């Protein structure tokens, strides 16, 4: 995959309004966890994502403190527990993520400071 190439030159990926569902996002998470992944912006708005795949996303982001700065999960259904898991990444000093968008499915969160 493009996220696993050595090195990946992909910086922004917009898969919004695709029928990825949790299974597709779990596959994508495997690429995000790869040390060669240099993705800075990932847009998954309206991809039928539920809280089931939030743990996979968080695990990938923590296993490889990536360059990801912005994650858009608006118009999905991450649920309260998924939003809590994803919001915790913003507090992790090893992660560079600055913006998490879960509008119309949770809350809109930005890293303080």
PDB file of N, CA and C in Angstrom:
ATOM      1  N   UNK A   1       0.836  -1.199   0.000  1.00  0.00           N
ATOM      2  CA  UNK A   1       0.000   0.000   0.000  1.00  0.00           C
ATOM      3  C   UNK A   1       0.870   1.247   0.000  1.00  0.00           C
ATOM      4  N   UNK A   2       0.299   2.349  -0.387  1.00  0.00           N
ATOM      5  CA  UNK A   2       1.031   3.619  -0.473  1.00  0.00           C
ATOM      6  C   UNK A   2       1.524   4.075   0.892  1.00  0.00           C
ATOM      7  N   UNK A   3       0.816   3.700   1.957  1.00  0.00           N
ATOM      8  CA  UNK A   3       1.226   4.125   3.294  1.00  0.00           C
ATOM      9  C   UNK A   3       2.427   3.339   3.800  1.00  0.00           C
ATOM     10  N   UNK A   4       2.686   2.164   3.218  1.00  0.00           N
ATOM     11  CA  UNK A   4       3.781   1.314   3.681  1.00  0.00           C
ATOM     12  C   UNK A   4       5.030   1.408   2.820  1.00  0.00           C
ATOM     13  N   UNK A   5       4.981   2.161   1.717  1.00  0.00           N
ATOM     14  CA  UNK A   5       6.154   2.244   0.850  1.00  0.00           C
ATOM     15  C   UNK A   5       7.302   2.920   1.586  1.00  0.00           C
ATOM     16  N   UNK A   6       8.507   2.677   1.124  1.00  0.00           N
ATOM     17  CA  UNK A   6       9.685   3.122   1.852  1.00  0.00           C
ATOM     18  C   UNK A   6      10.439   4.177   1.071  1.00  0.00           C
ATOM     19  N   UNK A   7      10.410   5.432   1.405  1.00  0.00           N
ATOM     20  CA  UNK A   7       9.463   6.082   2.314  1.00  0.00           C
ATOM     21  C   UNK A   7       8.199   6.485   1.555  1.00  0.00           C
ATOM     22  N   UNK A   8       7.133   6.675   2.293  1.00  0.00           N
ATOM     23  CA  UNK A   8       5.880   7.118   1.678  1.00  0.00           C
ATOM     24  C   UNK A   8       5.915   8.630   1.502  1.00  0.00           C
ATOM     25  N   UNK A   9       5.530   9.102   0.333  1.00  0.00           N
ATOM     26  CA  UNK A   9       5.496  10.541   0.069  1.00  0.00           C
ATOM     27  C   UNK A   9       4.088  11.100   0.200  1.00  0.00           C
ATOM     28  N   UNK A  10       3.140  10.238   0.525  1.00  0.00           N
ATOM     29  CA  UNK A  10       1.749  10.647   0.679  1.00  0.00           C
ATOM     30  C   UNK A  10       1.586  11.439   1.973  1.00  0.00           C
ATOM     31  N   UNK A  11       1.124  12.685   1.874  1.00  0.00           N
ATOM     32  CA  UNK A  11       0.965  13.552   3.047  1.00  0.00           C
ATOM     33  C   UNK A  11      -0.492  13.784   3.419  1.00  0.00           C
ATOM     34  N   UNK A  12      -1.381  13.701   2.428  1.00  0.00           N
ATOM     35  CA  UNK A  12      -2.796  13.952   2.676  1.00  0.00           C
ATOM     36  C   UNK A  12      -3.621  12.901   1.947  1.00  0.00           C
ATOM     37  N   UNK A  13      -4.593  12.329   2.666  1.00  0.00           N
ATOM     38  CA  UNK A  13      -5.447  11.306   2.084  1.00  0.00           C
ATOM     39  C   UNK A  13      -6.895  11.613   2.443  1.00  0.00           C
ATOM     40  N   UNK A  14      -7.722  11.809   1.431  1.00  0.00           N
ATOM     41  CA  UNK A  14      -9.139  12.109   1.630  1.00  0.00           C
ATOM     42  C   UNK A  14      -9.968  10.968   1.043  1.00  0.00           C
ATOM     43  N   UNK A  15     -10.523  10.158   1.923  1.00  0.00           N
ATOM     44  CA  UNK A  15     -11.375   9.044   1.518  1.00  0.00           C
ATOM     45  C   UNK A  15     -12.822   9.296   1.927  1.00  0.00           C
ATOM     46  N   UNK A  16     -13.163  10.549   2.157  1.00  0.00           N
ATOM     47  CA  UNK A  16     -14.502  10.916   2.615  1.00  0.00           C
ATOM     48  C   UNK A  16     -15.587  10.393   1.682  1.00  0.00           C
ATOM     49  N   UNK A  17     -16.714  10.078   2.302  1.00  0.00           N
ATOM     50  CA  UNK A  17     -17.915   9.623   1.589  1.00  0.00           C
ATOM     51  C   UNK A  17     -17.700   8.347   0.785  1.00  0.00           C
ATOM     52  N   UNK A  18     -16.834   7.489   1.288  1.00  0.00           N
ATOM     53  CA  UNK A  18     -16.656   6.156   0.727  1.00  0.00           C
ATOM     54  C   UNK A  18     -17.193   5.152   1.739  1.00  0.00           C
ATOM     55  N   UNK A  19     -17.652   4.039   1.273  1.00  0.00           N
ATOM     56  CA  UNK A  19     -18.258   3.019   2.121  1.00  0.00           C
ATOM     57  C   UNK A  19     -17.167   2.131   2.729  1.00  0.00           C
ATOM     58  N   UNK A  20     -16.243   2.749   3.487  1.00  0.00           N
ATOM     59  CA  UNK A  20     -15.120   2.001   4.056  1.00  0.00           C
ATOM     60  C   UNK A  20     -15.552   1.098   5.199  1.00  0.00           C
ATOM     61  N   UNK A  21     -16.436   1.605   6.018  1.00  0.00           N
ATOM     62  CA  UNK A  21     -16.889   0.915   7.228  1.00  0.00           C
ATOM     63  C   UNK A  21     -15.688   0.600   8.112  1.00  0.00           C
ATOM     64  N   UNK A  22     -15.956  -0.098   9.214  1.00  0.00           N
ATOM     65  CA  UNK A  22     -14.898  -0.416  10.170  1.00  0.00           C
ATOM     66  C   UNK A  22     -13.821  -1.309   9.563  1.00  0.00           C
ATOM     67  N   UNK A  23     -14.215  -2.258   8.729  1.00  0.00           N
ATOM     68  CA  UNK A  23     -13.237  -3.187   8.151  1.00  0.00           C
ATOM     69  C   UNK A  23     -12.217  -2.454   7.287  1.00  0.00           C
ATOM     70  N   UNK A  24     -12.654  -1.477   6.518  1.00  0.00           N
ATOM     71  CA  UNK A  24     -11.738  -0.702   5.688  1.00  0.00           C
ATOM     72  C   UNK A  24     -10.812   0.177   6.503  1.00  0.00           C
ATOM     73  N   UNK A  25     -11.348   0.758   7.573  1.00  0.00           N
ATOM     74  CA  UNK A  25     -10.526   1.625   8.422  1.00  0.00           C
ATOM     75  C   UNK A  25      -9.511   0.793   9.201  1.00  0.00           C
ATOM     76  N   UNK A  26      -9.863  -0.427   9.562  1.00  0.00           N
ATOM     77  CA  UNK A  26      -8.898  -1.300  10.238  1.00  0.00           C
ATOM     78  C   UNK A  26      -7.727  -1.615   9.306  1.00  0.00           C
ATOM     79  N   UNK A  27      -8.001  -1.855   8.042  1.00  0.00           N
ATOM     80  CA  UNK A  27      -6.923  -2.083   7.066  1.00  0.00           C
ATOM     81  C   UNK A  27      -6.061  -0.835   6.907  1.00  0.00           C
ATOM     82  N   UNK A  28      -6.701   0.309   6.865  1.00  0.00           N
ATOM     83  CA  UNK A  28      -5.995   1.587   6.762  1.00  0.00           C
ATOM     84  C   UNK A  28      -5.120   1.823   7.995  1.00  0.00           C
ATOM     85  N   UNK A  29      -5.612   1.413   9.160  1.00  0.00           N
ATOM     86  CA  UNK A  29      -4.860   1.580  10.405  1.00  0.00           C
ATOM     87  C   UNK A  29      -3.539   0.824  10.374  1.00  0.00           C
ATOM     88  N   UNK A  30      -3.531  -0.321   9.711  1.00  0.00           N
ATOM     89  CA  UNK A  30      -2.286  -1.087   9.590  1.00  0.00           C
ATOM     90  C   UNK A  30      -1.229  -0.264   8.864  1.00  0.00           C
ATOM     91  N   UNK A  31      -1.628   0.482   7.856  1.00  0.00           N
ATOM     92  CA  UNK A  31      -0.700   1.361   7.145  1.00  0.00           C
ATOM     93  C   UNK A  31      -0.255   2.532   7.992  1.00  0.00           C
ATOM     94  N   UNK A  32      -1.177   3.074   8.785  1.00  0.00           N
ATOM     95  CA  UNK A  32      -0.834   4.210   9.651  1.00  0.00           C
ATOM     96  C   UNK A  32       0.192   3.822  10.705  1.00  0.00           C
ATOM     97  N   UNK A  33       0.161   2.564  11.134  1.00  0.00           N
ATOM     98  CA  UNK A  33       1.097   2.103  12.149  1.00  0.00           C
ATOM     99  C   UNK A  33       2.489   1.828  11.612  1.00  0.00           C
ATOM    100  N   UNK A  34       2.663   1.886  10.307  1.00  0.00           N
ATOM    101  CA  UNK A  34       3.953   1.625   9.683  1.00  0.00           C
ATOM    102  C   UNK A  34       4.888   2.819   9.873  1.00  0.00           C
ATOM    103  N   UNK A  35       6.135   2.579  10.285  1.00  0.00           N
ATOM    104  CA  UNK A  35       7.074   3.687  10.517  1.00  0.00           C
ATOM    105  C   UNK A  35       7.379   4.529   9.278  1.00  0.00           C
ATOM    106  N   UNK A  36       7.133   3.997   8.076  1.00  0.00           N
ATOM    107  CA  UNK A  36       7.382   4.758   6.851  1.00  0.00           C
ATOM    108  C   UNK A  36       6.240   5.708   6.504  1.00  0.00           C
ATOM    109  N   UNK A  37       5.128   5.581   7.218  1.00  0.00           N
ATOM    110  CA  UNK A  37       3.959   6.419   6.939  1.00  0.00           C
ATOM    111  C   UNK A  37       4.224   7.850   7.404  1.00  0.00           C
ATOM    112  N   UNK A  38       4.102   8.804   6.503  1.00  0.00           N
ATOM    113  CA  UNK A  38       4.331  10.222   6.810  1.00  0.00           C
ATOM    114  C   UNK A  38       3.062  11.049   6.611  1.00  0.00           C
ATOM    115  N   UNK A  39       1.922  10.377   6.649  1.00  0.00           N
ATOM    116  CA  UNK A  39       0.640  11.037   6.430  1.00  0.00           C
ATOM    117  C   UNK A  39       0.386  12.106   7.492  1.00  0.00           C
ATOM    118  N   UNK A  40       0.003  13.303   7.069  1.00  0.00           N
ATOM    119  CA  UNK A  40      -0.268  14.412   7.984  1.00  0.00           C
ATOM    120  C   UNK A  40      -1.757  14.679   8.149  1.00  0.00           C
ATOM    121  N   UNK A  41      -2.545  14.419   7.112  1.00  0.00           N
ATOM    122  CA  UNK A  41      -3.984  14.676   7.151  1.00  0.00           C
ATOM    123  C   UNK A  41      -4.726  13.463   6.620  1.00  0.00           C
ATOM    124  N   UNK A  42      -5.689  12.978   7.411  1.00  0.00           N
ATOM    125  CA  UNK A  42      -6.516  11.852   6.999  1.00  0.00           C
ATOM    126  C   UNK A  42      -7.977  12.244   7.166  1.00  0.00           C
ATOM    127  N   UNK A  43      -8.699  12.253   6.054  1.00  0.00           N
ATOM    128  CA  UNK A  43     -10.118  12.620   6.079  1.00  0.00           C
ATOM    129  C   UNK A  43     -10.961  11.382   5.773  1.00  0.00           C
ATOM    130  N   UNK A  44     -11.772  11.006   6.765  1.00  0.00           N
ATOM    131  CA  UNK A  44     -12.650   9.850   6.645  1.00  0.00           C
ATOM    132  C   UNK A  44     -14.093  10.244   6.943  1.00  0.00           C
ATOM    133  N   UNK A  45     -14.467  11.448   6.571  1.00  0.00           N
ATOM    134  CA  UNK A  45     -15.819  11.943   6.825  1.00  0.00           C
ATOM    135  C   UNK A  45     -16.845  11.109   6.057  1.00  0.00           C
ATOM    136  N   UNK A  46     -17.904  10.703   6.758  1.00  0.00           N
ATOM    137  CA  UNK A  46     -18.988   9.975   6.108  1.00  0.00           C
ATOM    138  C   UNK A  46     -18.604   8.617   5.566  1.00  0.00           C
ATOM    139  N   UNK A  47     -17.759   7.889   6.295  1.00  0.00           N
ATOM    140  CA  UNK A  47     -17.298   6.576   5.821  1.00  0.00           C
ATOM    141  C   UNK A  47     -17.924   5.406   6.584  1.00  0.00           C
ATOM    142  N   UNK A  48     -19.014   5.671   7.306  1.00  0.00           N
ATOM    143  CA  UNK A  48     -19.736   4.641   8.053  1.00  0.00           C
ATOM    144  C   UNK A  48     -18.864   3.982   9.116  1.00  0.00           C
ATOM    145  N   UNK A  49     -18.056   4.780   9.791  1.00  0.00           N
ATOM    146  CA  UNK A  49     -17.156   4.307  10.833  1.00  0.00           C
ATOM    147  C   UNK A  49     -17.897   4.311  12.169  1.00  0.00           C
ATOM    148  N   UNK A  50     -17.716   3.242  12.961  1.00  0.00           N
ATOM    149  CA  UNK A  50     -18.317   3.174  14.294  1.00  0.00           C
ATOM    150  C   UNK A  50     -17.204   3.097  15.340  1.00  0.00           C
ATOM    151  N   UNK A  51     -17.624   3.011  16.606  1.00  0.00           N
ATOM    152  CA  UNK A  51     -16.628   2.968  17.673  1.00  0.00           C
ATOM    153  C   UNK A  51     -15.782   1.704  17.610  1.00  0.00           C
ATOM    154  N   UNK A  52     -16.247   0.685  16.905  1.00  0.00           N
ATOM    155  CA  UNK A  52     -15.517  -0.579  16.810  1.00  0.00           C
ATOM    156  C   UNK A  52     -14.101  -0.399  16.270  1.00  0.00           C
ATOM    157  N   UNK A  53     -13.903   0.491  15.315  1.00  0.00           N
ATOM    158  CA  UNK A  53     -12.572   0.635  14.709  1.00  0.00           C
ATOM    159  C   UNK A  53     -11.732   1.722  15.375  1.00  0.00           C
ATOM    160  N   UNK A  54     -12.295   2.473  16.311  1.00  0.00           N
ATOM    161  CA  UNK A  54     -11.530   3.551  16.951  1.00  0.00           C
ATOM    162  C   UNK A  54     -10.307   3.014  17.681  1.00  0.00           C
ATOM    163  N   UNK A  55     -10.439   1.845  18.314  1.00  0.00           N
ATOM    164  CA  UNK A  55      -9.299   1.252  19.017  1.00  0.00           C
ATOM    165  C   UNK A  55      -8.169   0.929  18.043  1.00  0.00           C
ATOM    166  N   UNK A  56      -8.503   0.474  16.839  1.00  0.00           N
ATOM    167  CA  UNK A  56      -7.475   0.183  15.825  1.00  0.00           C
ATOM    168  C   UNK A  56      -6.743   1.448  15.408  1.00  0.00           C
ATOM    169  N   UNK A  57      -7.501   2.522  15.210  1.00  0.00           N
ATOM    170  CA  UNK A  57      -6.885   3.804  14.846  1.00  0.00           C
ATOM    171  C   UNK A  57      -5.954   4.288  15.946  1.00  0.00           C
ATOM    172  N   UNK A  58      -6.432   4.239  17.189  1.00  0.00           N
ATOM    173  CA  UNK A  58      -5.631   4.713  18.324  1.00  0.00           C
ATOM    174  C   UNK A  58      -4.377   3.864  18.475  1.00  0.00           C
ATOM    175  N   UNK A  59      -4.510   2.564  18.351  1.00  0.00           N
ATOM    176  CA  UNK A  59      -3.361   1.669  18.461  1.00  0.00           C
ATOM    177  C   UNK A  59      -2.309   1.998  17.405  1.00  0.00           C
ATOM    178  N   UNK A  60      -2.746   2.243  16.186  1.00  0.00           N
ATOM    179  CA  UNK A  60      -1.819   2.591  15.103  1.00  0.00           C
ATOM    180  C   UNK A  60      -1.119   3.910  15.386  1.00  0.00           C
ATOM    181  N   UNK A  61      -1.871   4.893  15.867  1.00  0.00           N
ATOM    182  CA  UNK A  61      -1.288   6.206  16.134  1.00  0.00           C
ATOM    183  C   UNK A  61      -0.301   6.161  17.293  1.00  0.00           C
ATOM    184  N   UNK A  62      -0.553   5.289  18.273  1.00  0.00           N
ATOM    185  CA  UNK A  62       0.352   5.186  19.423  1.00  0.00           C
ATOM    186  C   UNK A  62       1.559   4.305  19.127  1.00  0.00           C
ATOM    187  N   UNK A  63       1.385   3.279  18.295  1.00  0.00           N
ATOM    188  CA  UNK A  63       2.510   2.382  17.999  1.00  0.00           C
ATOM    189  C   UNK A  63       3.542   3.078  17.126  1.00  0.00           C
ATOM    190  N   UNK A  64       3.078   3.993  16.304  1.00  0.00           N
ATOM    191  CA  UNK A  64       3.971   4.774  15.454  1.00  0.00           C
ATOM    192  C   UNK A  64       3.584   6.230  15.638  1.00  0.00           C
ATOM    193  N   UNK A  65       4.209   6.914  16.614  1.00  0.00           N
ATOM    194  CA  UNK A  65       3.861   8.322  16.800  1.00  0.00           C
ATOM    195  C   UNK A  65       4.119   9.062  15.491  1.00  0.00           C
ATOM    196  N   UNK A  66       3.118   9.012  14.655  1.00  0.00           N
ATOM    197  CA  UNK A  66       3.246   9.454  13.273  1.00  0.00           C
ATOM    198  C   UNK A  66       3.233  10.962  13.129  1.00  0.00           C
ATOM    199  N   UNK A  67       3.297  11.363  11.886  1.00  0.00           N
ATOM    200  CA  UNK A  67       3.225  12.776  11.546  1.00  0.00           C
ATOM    201  C   UNK A  67       1.785  13.249  11.421  1.00  0.00           C
ATOM    202  N   UNK A  68       0.814  12.341  11.661  1.00  0.00           N
ATOM    203  CA  UNK A  68      -0.589  12.707  11.498  1.00  0.00           C
ATOM    204  C   UNK A  68      -0.952  13.853  12.433  1.00  0.00           C
ATOM    205  N   UNK A  69      -1.415  14.944  11.840  1.00  0.00           N
ATOM    206  CA  UNK A  69      -1.792  16.125  12.605  1.00  0.00           C
ATOM    207  C   UNK A  69      -3.298  16.339  12.619  1.00  0.00           C
ATOM    208  N   UNK A  70      -3.978  15.858  11.592  1.00  0.00           N
ATOM    209  CA  UNK A  70      -5.420  16.094  11.493  1.00  0.00           C
ATOM    210  C   UNK A  70      -6.148  14.817  11.091  1.00  0.00           C
ATOM    211  N   UNK A  71      -7.179  14.480  11.879  1.00  0.00           N
ATOM    212  CA  UNK A  71      -8.011  13.318  11.608  1.00  0.00           C
ATOM    213  C   UNK A  71      -9.462  13.767  11.570  1.00  0.00           C
ATOM    214  N   UNK A  72     -10.106  13.588  10.434  1.00  0.00           N
ATOM    215  CA  UNK A  72     -11.498  13.993  10.256  1.00  0.00           C
ATOM    216  C   UNK A  72     -12.382  12.752  10.203  1.00  0.00           C
ATOM    217  N   UNK A  73     -13.168  12.573  11.256  1.00  0.00           N
ATOM    218  CA  UNK A  73     -14.130  11.479  11.322  1.00  0.00           C
ATOM    219  C   UNK A  73     -15.551  12.024  11.421  1.00  0.00           C
ATOM    220  N   UNK A  74     -15.769  13.220  10.897  1.00  0.00           N
ATOM    221  CA  UNK A  74     -17.103  13.815  10.959  1.00  0.00           C
ATOM    222  C   UNK A  74     -18.102  12.960  10.174  1.00  0.00           C
ATOM    223  N   UNK A  75     -19.355  13.073  10.550  1.00  0.00           N
ATOM    224  CA  UNK A  75     -20.438  12.319   9.904  1.00  0.00           C
ATOM    225  C   UNK A  75     -20.209  10.812   9.948  1.00  0.00           C
ATOM    226  N   UNK A  76     -19.719  10.340  11.090  1.00  0.00           N
ATOM    227  CA  UNK A  76     -19.564   8.924  11.378  1.00  0.00           C
ATOM    228  C   UNK A  76     -20.233   8.653  12.719  1.00  0.00           C
ATOM    229  N   UNK A  77     -20.062   7.461  13.240  1.00  0.00           N
ATOM    230  CA  UNK A  77     -20.695   7.083  14.501  1.00  0.00           C
ATOM    231  C   UNK A  77     -19.666   6.479  15.456  1.00  0.00           C
ATOM    232  N   UNK A  78     -18.688   7.297  15.915  1.00  0.00           N
ATOM    233  CA  UNK A  78     -17.649   6.754  16.785  1.00  0.00           C
ATOM    234  C   UNK A  78     -18.134   6.449  18.196  1.00  0.00           C
ATOM    235  N   UNK A  79     -19.298   6.970  18.586  1.00  0.00           N
ATOM    236  CA  UNK A  79     -19.812   6.741  19.933  1.00  0.00           C
ATOM    237  C   UNK A  79     -18.970   7.462  20.968  1.00  0.00           C
ATOM    238  N   UNK A  80     -19.496   7.538  22.175  1.00  0.00           N
ATOM    239  CA  UNK A  80     -18.791   8.243  23.251  1.00  0.00           C
ATOM    240  C   UNK A  80     -17.452   7.594  23.576  1.00  0.00           C
ATOM    241  N   UNK A  81     -17.416   6.261  23.622  1.00  0.00           N
ATOM    242  CA  UNK A  81     -16.155   5.596  23.978  1.00  0.00           C
ATOM    243  C   UNK A  81     -15.105   5.788  22.882  1.00  0.00           C
ATOM    244  N   UNK A  82     -15.524   5.777  21.630  1.00  0.00           N
ATOM    245  CA  UNK A  82     -14.590   6.018  20.534  1.00  0.00           C
ATOM    246  C   UNK A  82     -14.033   7.423  20.557  1.00  0.00           C
ATOM    247  N   UNK A  83     -14.899   8.397  20.850  1.00  0.00           N
ATOM    248  CA  UNK A  83     -14.454   9.794  20.940  1.00  0.00           C
ATOM    249  C   UNK A  83     -13.470   9.950  22.089  1.00  0.00           C
ATOM    250  N   UNK A  84     -13.747   9.290  23.218  1.00  0.00           N
ATOM    251  CA  UNK A  84     -12.819   9.369  24.364  1.00  0.00           C
ATOM    252  C   UNK A  84     -11.455   8.784  24.001  1.00  0.00           C
ATOM    253  N   UNK A  85     -11.456   7.627  23.345  1.00  0.00           N
ATOM    254  CA  UNK A  85     -10.191   6.999  22.936  1.00  0.00           C
ATOM    255  C   UNK A  85      -9.393   7.907  22.007  1.00  0.00           C
ATOM    256  N   UNK A  86     -10.065   8.442  21.007  1.00  0.00           N
ATOM    257  CA  UNK A  86      -9.396   9.302  20.028  1.00  0.00           C
ATOM    258  C   UNK A  86      -8.942  10.619  20.648  1.00  0.00           C
ATOM    259  N   UNK A  87      -9.729  11.157  21.569  1.00  0.00           N
ATOM    260  CA  UNK A  87      -9.363  12.417  22.228  1.00  0.00           C
ATOM    261  C   UNK A  87      -8.126  12.241  23.097  1.00  0.00           C
ATOM    262  N   UNK A  88      -7.959  11.053  23.671  1.00  0.00           N
ATOM    263  CA  UNK A  88      -6.789  10.790  24.512  1.00  0.00           C
ATOM    264  C   UNK A  88      -5.498  10.902  23.708  1.00  0.00           C
ATOM    265  N   UNK A  89      -5.556  10.614  22.416  1.00  0.00           N
ATOM    266  CA  UNK A  89      -4.369  10.735  21.558  1.00  0.00           C
ATOM    267  C   UNK A  89      -3.899  12.185  21.518  1.00  0.00           C
ATOM    268  N   UNK A  90      -4.837  13.121  21.554  1.00  0.00           N
ATOM    269  CA  UNK A  90      -4.477  14.546  21.534  1.00  0.00           C
ATOM    270  C   UNK A  90      -3.659  14.929  22.763  1.00  0.00           C
ATOM    271  N   UNK A  91      -3.882  14.217  23.862  1.00  0.00           N
ATOM    272  CA  UNK A  91      -3.174  14.516  25.111  1.00  0.00           C
ATOM    273  C   UNK A  91      -1.810  13.829  25.192  1.00  0.00           C
ATOM    274  N   UNK A  92      -1.569  12.857  24.340  1.00  0.00           N
ATOM    275  CA  UNK A  92      -0.322  12.101  24.370  1.00  0.00           C
ATOM    276  C   UNK A  92       0.815  12.962  23.824  1.00  0.00           C
ATOM    277  N   UNK A  93       1.845  13.240  24.639  1.00  0.00           N
ATOM    278  CA  UNK A  93       2.939  14.105  24.183  1.00  0.00           C
ATOM    279  C   UNK A  93       3.762  13.502  23.045  1.00  0.00           C
ATOM    280  N   UNK A  94       3.665  12.191  22.817  1.00  0.00           N
ATOM    281  CA  UNK A  94       4.428  11.544  21.749  1.00  0.00           C
ATOM    282  C   UNK A  94       3.717  11.604  20.404  1.00  0.00           C
ATOM    283  N   UNK A  95       2.452  11.956  20.420  1.00  0.00           N
ATOM    284  CA  UNK A  95       1.690  12.047  19.176  1.00  0.00           C
ATOM    285  C   UNK A  95       1.632  13.498  18.723  1.00  0.00           C
ATOM    286  N   UNK A  96       1.682  13.692  17.423  1.00  0.00           N
ATOM    287  CA  UNK A  96       1.695  15.048  16.868  1.00  0.00           C
ATOM    288  C   UNK A  96       0.308  15.536  16.476  1.00  0.00           C
ATOM    289  N   UNK A  97      -0.678  14.686  16.669  1.00  0.00           N
ATOM    290  CA  UNK A  97      -2.029  15.052  16.247  1.00  0.00           C
ATOM    291  C   UNK A  97      -2.501  16.304  16.971  1.00  0.00           C
ATOM    292  N   UNK A  98      -3.024  17.253  16.196  1.00  0.00           N
ATOM    293  CA  UNK A  98      -3.481  18.529  16.726  1.00  0.00           C
ATOM    294  C   UNK A  98      -4.984  18.710  16.603  1.00  0.00           C
ATOM    295  N   UNK A  99      -5.596  18.036  15.632  1.00  0.00           N
ATOM    296  CA  UNK A  99      -7.018  18.265  15.386  1.00  0.00           C
ATOM    297  C   UNK A  99      -7.742  16.949  15.138  1.00  0.00           C
ATOM    298  N   UNK A 100      -8.872  16.807  15.833  1.00  0.00           N
ATOM    299  CA  UNK A 100      -9.757  15.667  15.666  1.00  0.00           C
ATOM    300  C   UNK A 100     -11.151  16.210  15.421  1.00  0.00           C
ATOM    301  N   UNK A 101     -11.737  15.867  14.294  1.00  0.00           N
ATOM    302  CA  UNK A 101     -13.077  16.338  13.964  1.00  0.00           C
ATOM    303  C   UNK A 101     -14.032  15.153  13.984  1.00  0.00           C
ATOM    304  N   UNK A 102     -14.963  15.191  14.937  1.00  0.00           N
ATOM    305  CA  UNK A 102     -15.997  14.160  15.021  1.00  0.00           C
ATOM    306  C   UNK A 102     -17.379  14.815  15.050  1.00  0.00           C
ATOM    307  N   UNK A 103     -17.502  15.968  14.388  1.00  0.00           N
ATOM    308  CA  UNK A 103     -18.782  16.666  14.323  1.00  0.00           C
ATOM    309  C   UNK A 103     -19.857  15.754  13.757  1.00  0.00           C
ATOM    310  N   UNK A 104     -21.051  15.945  14.261  1.00  0.00           N
ATOM    311  CA  UNK A 104     -22.215  15.168  13.830  1.00  0.00           C
ATOM    312  C   UNK A 104     -22.010  13.690  14.099  1.00  0.00           C
ATOM    313  N   UNK A 105     -21.363  13.418  15.209  1.00  0.00           N
ATOM    314  CA  UNK A 105     -21.128  12.043  15.631  1.00  0.00           C
ATOM    315  C   UNK A 105     -20.441  12.046  16.976  1.00  0.00           C
ATOM    316  N   UNK A 106     -20.194  13.217  17.490  1.00  0.00           N
ATOM    317  CA  UNK A 106     -19.499  13.382  18.756  1.00  0.00           C
ATOM    318  C   UNK A 106     -19.178  14.840  18.938  1.00  0.00           C
ATOM    319  N   UNK A 107     -17.987  15.117  19.377  1.00  0.00           N
ATOM    320  CA  UNK A 107     -17.590  16.502  19.606  1.00  0.00           C
ATOM    321  C   UNK A 107     -16.418  16.873  18.716  1.00  0.00           C
ATOM    322  N   UNK A 108     -16.201  18.155  18.545  1.00  0.00           N
ATOM    323  CA  UNK A 108     -15.081  18.651  17.752  1.00  0.00           C
ATOM    324  C   UNK A 108     -13.972  19.013  18.737  1.00  0.00           C
ATOM    325  N   UNK A 109     -12.820  18.429  18.603  1.00  0.00           N
ATOM    326  CA  UNK A 109     -11.769  18.579  19.593  1.00  0.00           C
ATOM    327  C   UNK A 109     -10.483  19.075  18.954  1.00  0.00           C
ATOM    328  N   UNK A 110      -9.837  20.017  19.632  1.00  0.00           N
ATOM    329  CA  UNK A 110      -8.521  20.473  19.183  1.00  0.00           C
ATOM    330  C   UNK A 110      -7.568  20.396  20.361  1.00  0.00           C
ATOM    331  N   UNK A 111      -6.312  20.176  20.073  1.00  0.00           N
ATOM    332  CA  UNK A 111      -5.291  20.105  21.107  1.00  0.00           C
ATOM    333  C   UNK A 111      -5.140  21.475  21.753  1.00  0.00           C
ATOM    334  N   UNK A 112      -5.131  21.532  23.085  1.00  0.00           N
ATOM    335  CA  UNK A 112      -4.954  22.829  23.739  1.00  0.00           C
ATOM    336  C   UNK A 112      -3.575  23.396  23.461  1.00  0.00           C
ATOM    337  N   UNK A 113      -3.485  24.712  23.449  1.00  0.00           N
ATOM    338  CA  UNK A 113      -2.202  25.379  23.290  1.00  0.00           C
ATOM    339  C   UNK A 113      -1.997  25.769  21.909  1.00  0.00           C
TER     340      UNK A 113
END
